[in-house]
Amino acid sequence: MSSSPAVELDGATLRVTGEVDANTVVQLRNRGEELINASSGALTVDLSGLLTAHSVVLSMLLCWQRLALANQIKLSFDGASDRLQSLAALSNLQDQMPGFASHS
């Protein structure tokens, strides 16, 4: 049984939940970008409810990071699984993603 992915804004926290794959990532990315565009100030992306670690997840997070930088919003990541952190490290992305480097 799969868990549909979702992203929601709770104060200054973007919560990502469910299973993200190549079929669902675009819709989730777009929704996250809408929420980032509607925000001001620092945001934390809570990944503790994310059930998958996949390269498409890293791609989505990097897109959100670029958008936040363009909007002068500080974006950090929290609650990434060990597997997602390892994937970021293998891709040499942990230093570009605040909240990942401290776990490596």
C-alpha atoms as a PDB file:
ATOM      1  CA  MET A   1       0.000   0.000   0.000  1.00  0.00           C
ATOM      2  CA  SER A   2       1.477   3.315  -1.036  1.00  0.00           C
ATOM      3  CA  SER A   3       1.129   6.639   0.671  1.00  0.00           C
ATOM      4  CA  SER A   4       0.355   9.576  -1.610  1.00  0.00           C
ATOM      5  CA  PRO A   5       2.945  12.333  -1.373  1.00  0.00           C
ATOM      6  CA  ALA A   6       1.994  15.725  -0.033  1.00  0.00           C
ATOM      7  CA  VAL A   7       3.591  19.001   0.926  1.00  0.00           C
ATOM      8  CA  GLU A   8       1.946  21.494   3.233  1.00  0.00           C
ATOM      9  CA  LEU A   9       2.962  24.722   4.892  1.00  0.00           C
ATOM     10  CA  ASP A  10       2.669  24.849   8.685  1.00  0.00           C
ATOM     11  CA  GLY A  11       3.931  28.231   9.852  1.00  0.00           C
ATOM     12  CA  ALA A  12       7.575  28.350   8.762  1.00  0.00           C
ATOM     13  CA  THR A  13       7.738  24.617   8.061  1.00  0.00           C
ATOM     14  CA  LEU A  14       7.136  22.831   4.770  1.00  0.00           C
ATOM     15  CA  ARG A  15       6.189  19.256   5.633  1.00  0.00           C
ATOM     16  CA  VAL A  16       6.834  16.624   2.982  1.00  0.00           C
ATOM     17  CA  THR A  17       5.101  13.296   3.505  1.00  0.00           C
ATOM     18  CA  GLY A  18       4.438  10.075   1.651  1.00  0.00           C
ATOM     19  CA  GLU A  19       6.160   8.209  -1.152  1.00  0.00           C
ATOM     20  CA  VAL A  20       7.684  10.320  -3.924  1.00  0.00           C
ATOM     21  CA  ASP A  21       8.638   8.773  -7.251  1.00  0.00           C
ATOM     22  CA  ALA A  22       9.115   9.836 -10.860  1.00  0.00           C
ATOM     23  CA  ASN A  23       5.341   9.775 -11.420  1.00  0.00           C
ATOM     24  CA  THR A  24       4.467  12.058  -8.491  1.00  0.00           C
ATOM     25  CA  VAL A  25       7.454  14.367  -8.116  1.00  0.00           C
ATOM     26  CA  VAL A  26       6.399  17.048 -10.618  1.00  0.00           C
ATOM     27  CA  GLN A  27       3.057  17.708  -8.933  1.00  0.00           C
ATOM     28  CA  LEU A  28       4.726  17.774  -5.511  1.00  0.00           C
ATOM     29  CA  ARG A  29       7.501  20.072  -6.757  1.00  0.00           C
ATOM     30  CA  ASN A  30       4.951  22.498  -8.229  1.00  0.00           C
ATOM     31  CA  ARG A  31       2.933  22.587  -5.011  1.00  0.00           C
ATOM     32  CA  GLY A  32       6.072  23.213  -2.957  1.00  0.00           C
ATOM     33  CA  GLU A  33       7.063  26.048  -5.291  1.00  0.00           C
ATOM     34  CA  GLU A  34       3.633  27.640  -4.854  1.00  0.00           C
ATOM     35  CA  LEU A  35       4.067  27.517  -1.079  1.00  0.00           C
ATOM     36  CA  ILE A  36       7.614  28.910  -1.230  1.00  0.00           C
ATOM     37  CA  ASN A  37       6.496  31.737  -3.531  1.00  0.00           C
ATOM     38  CA  ALA A  38       3.745  32.634  -1.066  1.00  0.00           C
ATOM     39  CA  SER A  39       6.178  32.717   1.875  1.00  0.00           C
ATOM     40  CA  SER A  40       8.578  35.234   3.293  1.00  0.00           C
ATOM     41  CA  GLY A  41      11.392  34.677   5.722  1.00  0.00           C
ATOM     42  CA  ALA A  42      13.154  31.443   6.589  1.00  0.00           C
ATOM     43  CA  LEU A  43      11.554  28.068   5.920  1.00  0.00           C
ATOM     44  CA  THR A  44      12.450  24.609   7.164  1.00  0.00           C
ATOM     45  CA  VAL A  45      11.597  21.630   4.983  1.00  0.00           C
ATOM     46  CA  ASP A  46      10.622  18.769   7.309  1.00  0.00           C
ATOM     47  CA  LEU A  47      11.461  15.493   5.592  1.00  0.00           C
ATOM     48  CA  SER A  48      10.728  13.203   8.543  1.00  0.00           C
ATOM     49  CA  GLY A  49       7.429  12.056   6.988  1.00  0.00           C
ATOM     50  CA  LEU A  50       9.020  11.247   3.633  1.00  0.00           C
ATOM     51  CA  LEU A  51       8.855   7.502   2.993  1.00  0.00           C
ATOM     52  CA  THR A  52      11.276   7.309   0.048  1.00  0.00           C
ATOM     53  CA  ALA A  53      14.853   8.256  -0.750  1.00  0.00           C
ATOM     54  CA  HIS A  54      15.218   8.693  -4.472  1.00  0.00           C
ATOM     55  CA  SER A  55      17.224  10.893  -6.825  1.00  0.00           C
ATOM     56  CA  VAL A  56      14.001  12.620  -7.922  1.00  0.00           C
ATOM     57  CA  VAL A  57      13.536  13.767  -4.309  1.00  0.00           C
ATOM     58  CA  LEU A  58      16.987  15.368  -4.322  1.00  0.00           C
ATOM     59  CA  SER A  59      16.198  17.053  -7.624  1.00  0.00           C
ATOM     60  CA  MET A  60      12.957  18.458  -6.204  1.00  0.00           C
ATOM     61  CA  LEU A  61      14.715  19.739  -3.076  1.00  0.00           C
ATOM     62  CA  LEU A  62      17.404  21.423  -5.163  1.00  0.00           C
ATOM     63  CA  CYS A  63      14.727  23.118  -7.274  1.00  0.00           C
ATOM     64  CA  TRP A  64      13.096  24.395  -4.094  1.00  0.00           C
ATOM     65  CA  GLN A  65      16.489  25.571  -2.834  1.00  0.00           C
ATOM     66  CA  ARG A  66      17.135  27.543  -6.044  1.00  0.00           C
ATOM     67  CA  LEU A  67      13.686  29.131  -5.906  1.00  0.00           C
ATOM     68  CA  ALA A  68      14.129  30.088  -2.266  1.00  0.00           C
ATOM     69  CA  LEU A  69      17.515  31.678  -3.017  1.00  0.00           C
ATOM     70  CA  ALA A  70      15.991  33.625  -5.911  1.00  0.00           C
ATOM     71  CA  ASN A  71      13.259  34.869  -3.544  1.00  0.00           C
ATOM     72  CA  GLN A  72      15.809  35.643  -0.798  1.00  0.00           C
ATOM     73  CA  ILE A  73      14.281  33.028   1.485  1.00  0.00           C
ATOM     74  CA  LYS A  74      16.574  30.954   3.672  1.00  0.00           C
ATOM     75  CA  LEU A  75      15.637  27.304   3.210  1.00  0.00           C
ATOM     76  CA  SER A  76      16.962  24.501   5.383  1.00  0.00           C
ATOM     77  CA  PHE A  77      16.194  20.802   5.568  1.00  0.00           C
ATOM     78  CA  ASP A  78      15.453  18.707   8.637  1.00  0.00           C
ATOM     79  CA  GLY A  79      14.589  15.080   9.265  1.00  0.00           C
ATOM     80  CA  ALA A  80      16.167  13.544   6.170  1.00  0.00           C
ATOM     81  CA  SER A  81      16.527   9.778   6.428  1.00  0.00           C
ATOM     82  CA  ASP A  82      19.991   8.238   6.573  1.00  0.00           C
ATOM     83  CA  ARG A  83      19.407   6.869   3.085  1.00  0.00           C
ATOM     84  CA  LEU A  84      18.507  10.291   1.648  1.00  0.00           C
ATOM     85  CA  GLN A  85      21.512  11.845   3.392  1.00  0.00           C
ATOM     86  CA  SER A  86      23.756   9.143   1.913  1.00  0.00           C
ATOM     87  CA  LEU A  87      22.316   9.744  -1.543  1.00  0.00           C
ATOM     88  CA  ALA A  88      23.027  13.479  -1.189  1.00  0.00           C
ATOM     89  CA  ALA A  89      26.582  12.720  -0.062  1.00  0.00           C
ATOM     90  CA  LEU A  90      27.172  10.311  -2.959  1.00  0.00           C
ATOM     91  CA  SER A  91      26.021  13.072  -5.300  1.00  0.00           C
ATOM     92  CA  ASN A  92      28.229  15.685  -3.577  1.00  0.00           C
ATOM     93  CA  LEU A  93      25.123  17.741  -2.790  1.00  0.00           C
ATOM     94  CA  GLN A  94      25.165  17.729   1.005  1.00  0.00           C
ATOM     95  CA  ASP A  95      26.994  21.075   1.226  1.00  0.00           C
ATOM     96  CA  GLN A  96      24.433  22.746  -1.046  1.00  0.00           C
ATOM     97  CA  MET A  97      21.548  21.597   1.140  1.00  0.00           C
ATOM     98  CA  PRO A  98      21.554  23.192   4.614  1.00  0.00           C
ATOM     99  CA  GLY A  99      20.742  20.547   7.180  1.00  0.00           C
ATOM    100  CA  PHE A 100      22.354  17.700   5.237  1.00  0.00           C
ATOM    101  CA  ALA A 101      26.060  18.516   5.746  1.00  0.00           C
ATOM    102  CA  SER A 102      25.740  18.423   9.543  1.00  0.00           C
ATOM    103  CA  HIS A 103      24.671  14.767   9.308  1.00  0.00           C
ATOM    104  CA  SER A 104      27.430  13.518   7.045  1.00  0.00           C
END
